Amino acid sequence: MKKTIISLSVILAACGGGGGGNSASTLSAAAPTASPTAIPTSTPAPNISAAGLWKGVSDVNRTLTGLILPNGSFYVLYSRRNNANIIAGVVQGNGSISGNTFTSSNAKDFNLEGAGVLDAKITSTVVTKGSFNGSVSYPTSSYATSTYSSSYSTDFEVSPSLATVTGTYAGDVTTSAGTEGANVSISNSGVINGTGTTTGCTITGNITPRTDSNAYDVSLKFGASPCLFPNQTLTGISYFDASQKRLYAVAPNATRTDGVLFVGTKP
């Protein structure tokens, strides 16, 4: 909003005198002072945000579901080529935004197709609550750069709750050691209990609704051997797809050299 301050000063002076039969009077008025030139104010740059739930596809036809939190941390699940029903990996890291460009130089691609954990770099052009389009490159490997496009999902704005995720889930848990079936239960107080159907590995933990997005913080403690992470606690993020009654949970280890992915549905 521009404000112009107008200053107007009018001075009236009268002087009269008499003598020898002569009289004179004078009325003088000062001219108004010029109005100061208004200084235009610049329009502040729009506050671009990459936070959101983003759904899209890559140039090699991988289906993408990405969760970017307001603090810049992100988790992007991608499918196998031409098969949206099978998760093939997770890209995880932290990024920042400058102008309308979101970048991350510390991303890790936890590939579940045999490539292992790859260093990755993310560069995306962002339209707040609109689109998130860009590329992922692999500076320390020979994997080709891949491009992608995605659109914002308003599911990101749904308030998460323990009541929403309470229940028993049947699904698969995947680590670098492979994939096995798993049954996981979540109580109405957020306590997690789970068991692998092949190895018998047990997990306990907690799930907590976040206050800044439709997501949950998760903490998973593994039991003793034969668990891949014996007696270790991994922390990460979880998202519940209400339309499919499907829970996704991702938790890397502390050094981000491995991690665990659980995908399960409840009745």
Protein backbone atom coordinates (compact mmCIF):
# COMPACT_ATOMS: atom_id res chain seq x y z
CA MET A 1 0.00 0.00 0.00
CA LYS A 2 1.42 3.39 -0.91
CA LYS A 3 1.06 6.32 1.42
CA THR A 4 1.42 9.89 0.25
CA ILE A 5 1.86 12.49 2.90
CA ILE A 6 0.55 15.90 1.81
CA SER A 7 1.70 18.93 3.75
CA LEU A 8 -0.06 22.21 3.19
CA SER A 9 1.02 25.39 5.07
CA VAL A 10 -0.79 28.68 4.65
CA ILE A 11 0.52 31.72 6.51
CA LEU A 12 -1.62 34.81 6.79
CA ALA A 13 -0.03 38.08 7.91
CA ALA A 14 -1.70 41.46 8.29
CA CYS A 15 -0.09 44.67 9.24
CA GLY A 16 -1.69 48.15 9.54
CA GLY A 17 -0.56 51.65 10.54
CA GLY A 18 -1.82 55.19 10.54
CA GLY A 19 -0.26 58.58 10.48
CA GLY A 20 -0.55 61.80 8.63
CA GLY A 21 -3.90 60.60 7.36
CA ASN A 22 -2.29 57.81 5.40
CA SER A 23 -3.00 54.13 6.08
CA ALA A 24 -1.79 50.94 4.54
CA SER A 25 -2.58 47.27 5.01
CA THR A 26 -0.93 44.18 3.67
CA LEU A 27 -2.25 40.60 3.37
CA SER A 28 0.33 38.03 2.38
CA ALA A 29 -0.08 34.28 1.97
CA ALA A 30 2.74 31.79 1.51
CA ALA A 31 2.39 29.42 -1.44
CA PRO A 32 1.67 25.76 -0.54
CA THR A 33 4.75 23.59 -0.20
CA ALA A 34 5.14 20.94 -2.87
CA SER A 35 3.91 17.46 -2.01
CA PRO A 36 6.84 15.04 -1.55
CA THR A 37 7.17 12.41 -4.24
CA ALA A 38 5.82 9.08 -3.06
CA ILE A 39 8.44 6.35 -3.00
CA PRO A 40 7.09 3.26 -4.71
CA THR A 41 7.24 0.09 -2.66
CA SER A 42 8.37 -3.16 -4.22
CA THR A 43 6.01 -6.12 -4.33
CA PRO A 44 7.41 -8.86 -2.09
CA ALA A 45 8.39 -12.06 -3.86
CA PRO A 46 5.82 -14.84 -3.50
CA ASN A 47 6.51 -17.31 -0.73
CA ILE A 48 7.22 -20.46 -2.73
CA SER A 49 6.87 -23.73 -0.82
CA ALA A 50 7.69 -27.26 -1.93
CA ALA A 51 5.84 -28.82 1.01
CA GLY A 52 3.19 -31.24 -0.12
CA LEU A 53 2.13 -34.66 -1.20
CA TRP A 54 3.16 -35.01 -4.82
CA LYS A 55 1.96 -37.70 -7.21
CA GLY A 56 3.37 -38.19 -10.67
CA VAL A 57 5.39 -40.24 -13.12
CA SER A 58 8.98 -40.39 -14.38
CA ASP A 59 10.25 -40.40 -17.94
CA VAL A 60 10.68 -44.20 -17.74
CA ASN A 61 7.12 -44.70 -16.52
CA ARG A 62 7.73 -45.16 -12.83
CA THR A 63 4.84 -44.03 -10.64
CA LEU A 64 5.94 -41.56 -7.95
CA THR A 65 4.49 -40.64 -4.57
CA GLY A 66 6.50 -37.95 -2.83
CA LEU A 67 6.11 -36.42 0.61
CA ILE A 68 7.99 -33.17 1.22
CA LEU A 69 7.72 -31.78 4.73
CA PRO A 70 7.81 -28.05 5.57
CA ASN A 71 11.34 -28.43 6.99
CA GLY A 72 12.63 -29.62 3.60
CA SER A 73 13.03 -33.32 4.38
CA PHE A 74 11.49 -35.60 1.77
CA TYR A 75 10.64 -39.21 0.96
CA VAL A 76 9.76 -40.24 -2.60
CA LEU A 77 8.52 -43.76 -3.30
CA TYR A 78 8.85 -44.97 -6.87
CA SER A 79 7.48 -48.06 -8.57
CA ARG A 80 8.92 -50.50 -11.03
CA ARG A 81 8.83 -49.45 -14.64
CA ASN A 82 5.34 -49.93 -16.07
CA ASN A 83 4.07 -51.45 -12.82
CA ALA A 84 2.56 -49.01 -10.34
CA ASN A 85 1.70 -51.79 -7.86
CA ILE A 86 5.26 -52.71 -6.84
CA ILE A 87 7.52 -50.30 -4.95
CA ALA A 88 11.03 -50.35 -6.43
CA GLY A 89 12.75 -47.85 -4.17
CA VAL A 90 12.71 -44.73 -2.04
CA VAL A 91 14.61 -41.47 -2.52
CA GLN A 92 15.19 -39.72 0.81
CA GLY A 93 17.03 -36.57 1.84
CA ASN A 94 16.84 -32.92 2.77
CA GLY A 95 16.46 -29.99 0.42
CA SER A 96 16.03 -26.24 0.29
CA ILE A 97 14.29 -23.79 -1.98
CA SER A 98 15.61 -20.66 -3.67
CA GLY A 99 13.17 -18.72 -5.79
CA ASN A 100 11.07 -21.45 -7.32
CA THR A 101 13.83 -24.07 -7.44
CA PHE A 102 14.07 -26.91 -4.93
CA THR A 103 17.45 -28.65 -4.69
CA SER A 104 18.99 -31.43 -2.65
CA SER A 105 22.59 -32.58 -2.86
CA ASN A 106 22.42 -35.18 -0.07
CA ALA A 107 19.66 -37.44 -1.38
CA LYS A 108 19.95 -41.22 -1.14
CA ASP A 109 18.20 -43.58 -3.53
CA PHE A 110 17.40 -46.79 -1.66
CA ASN A 111 16.91 -48.96 -4.72
CA LEU A 112 15.17 -52.31 -4.18
CA GLU A 113 15.98 -53.72 -7.62
CA GLY A 114 19.57 -54.66 -6.82
CA ALA A 115 21.37 -51.33 -7.26
CA GLY A 116 21.77 -50.74 -3.53
CA VAL A 117 21.97 -47.27 -1.98
CA LEU A 118 22.96 -44.57 -4.46
CA ASP A 119 23.98 -40.95 -3.93
CA ALA A 120 21.51 -38.70 -5.73
CA LYS A 121 20.92 -35.04 -6.51
CA ILE A 122 17.48 -33.49 -6.91
CA THR A 123 16.62 -30.34 -8.87
CA SER A 124 12.98 -29.31 -9.27
CA THR A 125 10.91 -26.36 -10.36
CA VAL A 126 8.05 -25.73 -7.93
CA VAL A 127 4.64 -24.15 -8.20
CA THR A 128 3.21 -23.95 -4.69
CA LYS A 129 0.35 -26.44 -4.38
CA GLY A 130 0.58 -26.91 -8.13
CA SER A 131 3.45 -28.84 -9.64
CA PHE A 132 6.84 -30.29 -8.74
CA ASN A 133 8.80 -31.13 -11.88
CA GLY A 134 12.50 -31.83 -12.27
CA SER A 135 15.24 -34.41 -12.40
CA VAL A 136 17.25 -36.80 -10.27
CA SER A 137 20.88 -37.45 -11.15
CA TYR A 138 23.51 -39.82 -9.76
CA PRO A 139 26.88 -38.06 -9.45
CA THR A 140 28.83 -41.07 -8.16
CA SER A 141 27.42 -43.79 -10.41
CA SER A 142 26.74 -44.46 -14.07
CA TYR A 143 22.97 -44.37 -13.73
CA ALA A 144 21.34 -41.99 -16.16
CA THR A 145 19.57 -38.84 -15.06
CA SER A 146 15.81 -39.31 -14.86
CA THR A 147 13.17 -36.61 -15.19
CA TYR A 148 9.73 -36.50 -13.62
CA SER A 149 6.58 -34.45 -13.31
CA SER A 150 4.10 -34.45 -10.44
CA SER A 151 1.02 -32.64 -9.18
CA TYR A 152 0.01 -31.55 -5.70
CA SER A 153 -2.52 -33.66 -3.80
CA THR A 154 -4.84 -31.96 -1.33
CA ASP A 155 -4.60 -35.10 0.82
CA PHE A 156 -1.54 -33.35 2.27
CA GLU A 157 -3.90 -30.97 4.08
CA VAL A 158 -5.90 -33.68 5.86
CA SER A 159 -5.23 -33.75 9.60
CA PRO A 160 -3.67 -37.08 10.64
CA SER A 161 -4.90 -38.91 13.74
CA LEU A 162 -4.24 -42.11 15.62
CA ALA A 163 -7.85 -43.12 15.08
CA THR A 164 -7.18 -43.10 11.33
CA VAL A 165 -4.26 -45.54 11.45
CA THR A 166 -5.36 -47.80 14.32
CA GLY A 167 -5.76 -51.38 13.12
CA THR A 168 -3.95 -54.49 11.86
CA TYR A 169 -2.06 -54.41 8.58
CA ALA A 170 -0.97 -57.24 6.33
CA GLY A 171 1.80 -56.45 3.88
CA ASP A 172 5.48 -56.65 3.08
CA VAL A 173 8.60 -55.36 4.77
CA THR A 174 11.66 -54.74 2.60
CA THR A 175 15.32 -54.19 3.48
CA SER A 176 18.59 -54.76 1.64
CA ALA A 177 18.25 -58.43 2.65
CA GLY A 178 15.07 -58.82 0.65
CA THR A 179 11.32 -58.80 1.14
CA GLU A 180 9.12 -60.86 3.43
CA GLY A 181 5.54 -60.76 4.53
CA ALA A 182 4.71 -58.98 7.77
CA ASN A 183 1.76 -58.37 10.05
CA VAL A 184 1.75 -55.06 11.90
CA SER A 185 -0.71 -53.73 14.46
CA ILE A 186 -1.17 -50.15 15.66
CA SER A 187 -3.06 -49.51 18.89
CA ASN A 188 -5.26 -46.51 19.55
CA SER A 189 -2.42 -45.04 21.61
CA GLY A 190 0.07 -45.36 18.74
CA VAL A 191 1.97 -48.45 19.88
CA ILE A 192 3.34 -50.56 17.03
CA ASN A 193 3.90 -54.33 17.12
CA GLY A 194 4.93 -56.42 14.14
CA THR A 195 6.27 -59.79 13.08
CA GLY A 196 7.90 -61.03 9.89
CA THR A 197 6.10 -64.09 8.55
CA THR A 198 9.30 -65.79 7.32
CA THR A 199 12.11 -64.88 9.73
CA GLY A 200 9.96 -64.24 12.79
CA CYS A 201 11.76 -60.93 13.33
CA THR A 202 9.78 -58.75 15.71
CA ILE A 203 9.46 -54.99 15.90
CA THR A 204 7.94 -52.63 18.42
CA GLY A 205 7.63 -48.89 18.25
CA ASN A 206 5.44 -45.83 18.13
CA ILE A 207 3.63 -43.76 15.56
CA THR A 208 2.80 -40.08 16.17
CA PRO A 209 0.68 -37.74 14.02
CA ARG A 210 2.59 -34.69 12.77
CA THR A 211 1.14 -31.22 13.21
CA ASP A 212 2.43 -29.75 9.93
CA SER A 213 1.23 -32.28 7.35
CA ASN A 214 -0.77 -35.43 6.73
CA ALA A 215 2.03 -37.67 7.89
CA TYR A 216 3.26 -39.52 10.95
CA ASP A 217 6.62 -39.82 12.69
CA VAL A 218 7.56 -43.45 13.33
CA SER A 219 10.08 -45.12 15.60
CA LEU A 220 10.78 -48.83 15.06
CA LYS A 221 12.84 -51.01 17.41
CA PHE A 222 13.92 -54.36 16.03
CA GLY A 223 14.25 -57.51 18.07
CA ALA A 224 17.30 -59.71 18.31
CA SER A 225 18.75 -61.77 15.47
CA PRO A 226 17.57 -62.92 12.93
CA CYS A 227 16.42 -59.32 12.47
CA LEU A 228 18.64 -57.44 10.00
CA PHE A 229 18.96 -54.57 12.51
CA PRO A 230 19.14 -56.52 15.80
CA ASN A 231 18.17 -54.41 18.82
CA GLN A 232 18.46 -51.21 16.77
CA THR A 233 15.94 -48.36 16.58
CA LEU A 234 15.21 -46.70 13.24
CA THR A 235 13.19 -43.52 12.83
CA GLY A 236 11.36 -42.22 9.81
CA ILE A 237 8.04 -41.20 8.33
CA SER A 238 4.70 -42.80 7.57
CA TYR A 239 1.83 -41.91 5.27
CA PHE A 240 -1.65 -43.43 5.24
CA ASP A 241 -3.55 -43.55 1.96
CA ALA A 242 -7.14 -43.47 3.21
CA SER A 243 -8.65 -44.31 -0.18
CA GLN A 244 -6.71 -47.61 -0.27
CA LYS A 245 -6.48 -48.16 3.52
CA ARG A 246 -2.78 -48.55 2.89
CA LEU A 247 0.05 -47.58 5.22
CA TYR A 248 3.54 -46.68 3.99
CA ALA A 249 6.39 -46.46 6.49
CA VAL A 250 10.01 -45.63 5.63
CA ALA A 251 12.88 -45.57 8.12
CA PRO A 252 16.57 -45.35 7.13
CA ASN A 253 19.30 -46.34 9.54
CA ALA A 254 21.45 -43.66 11.18
CA THR A 255 24.14 -43.74 8.47
CA ARG A 256 21.61 -44.05 5.62
CA THR A 257 23.39 -47.11 4.26
CA ASP A 258 20.25 -49.23 4.62
CA GLY A 259 16.70 -48.94 5.84
CA VAL A 260 13.30 -50.52 6.07
CA LEU A 261 10.13 -50.04 4.03
CA PHE A 262 6.75 -51.37 5.08
CA VAL A 263 3.66 -51.30 2.87
CA GLY A 264 0.50 -52.86 4.26
CA THR A 265 -3.28 -52.59 4.13
CA LYS A 266 -5.94 -53.01 6.77
CA PRO A 267 -9.48 -54.37 6.32
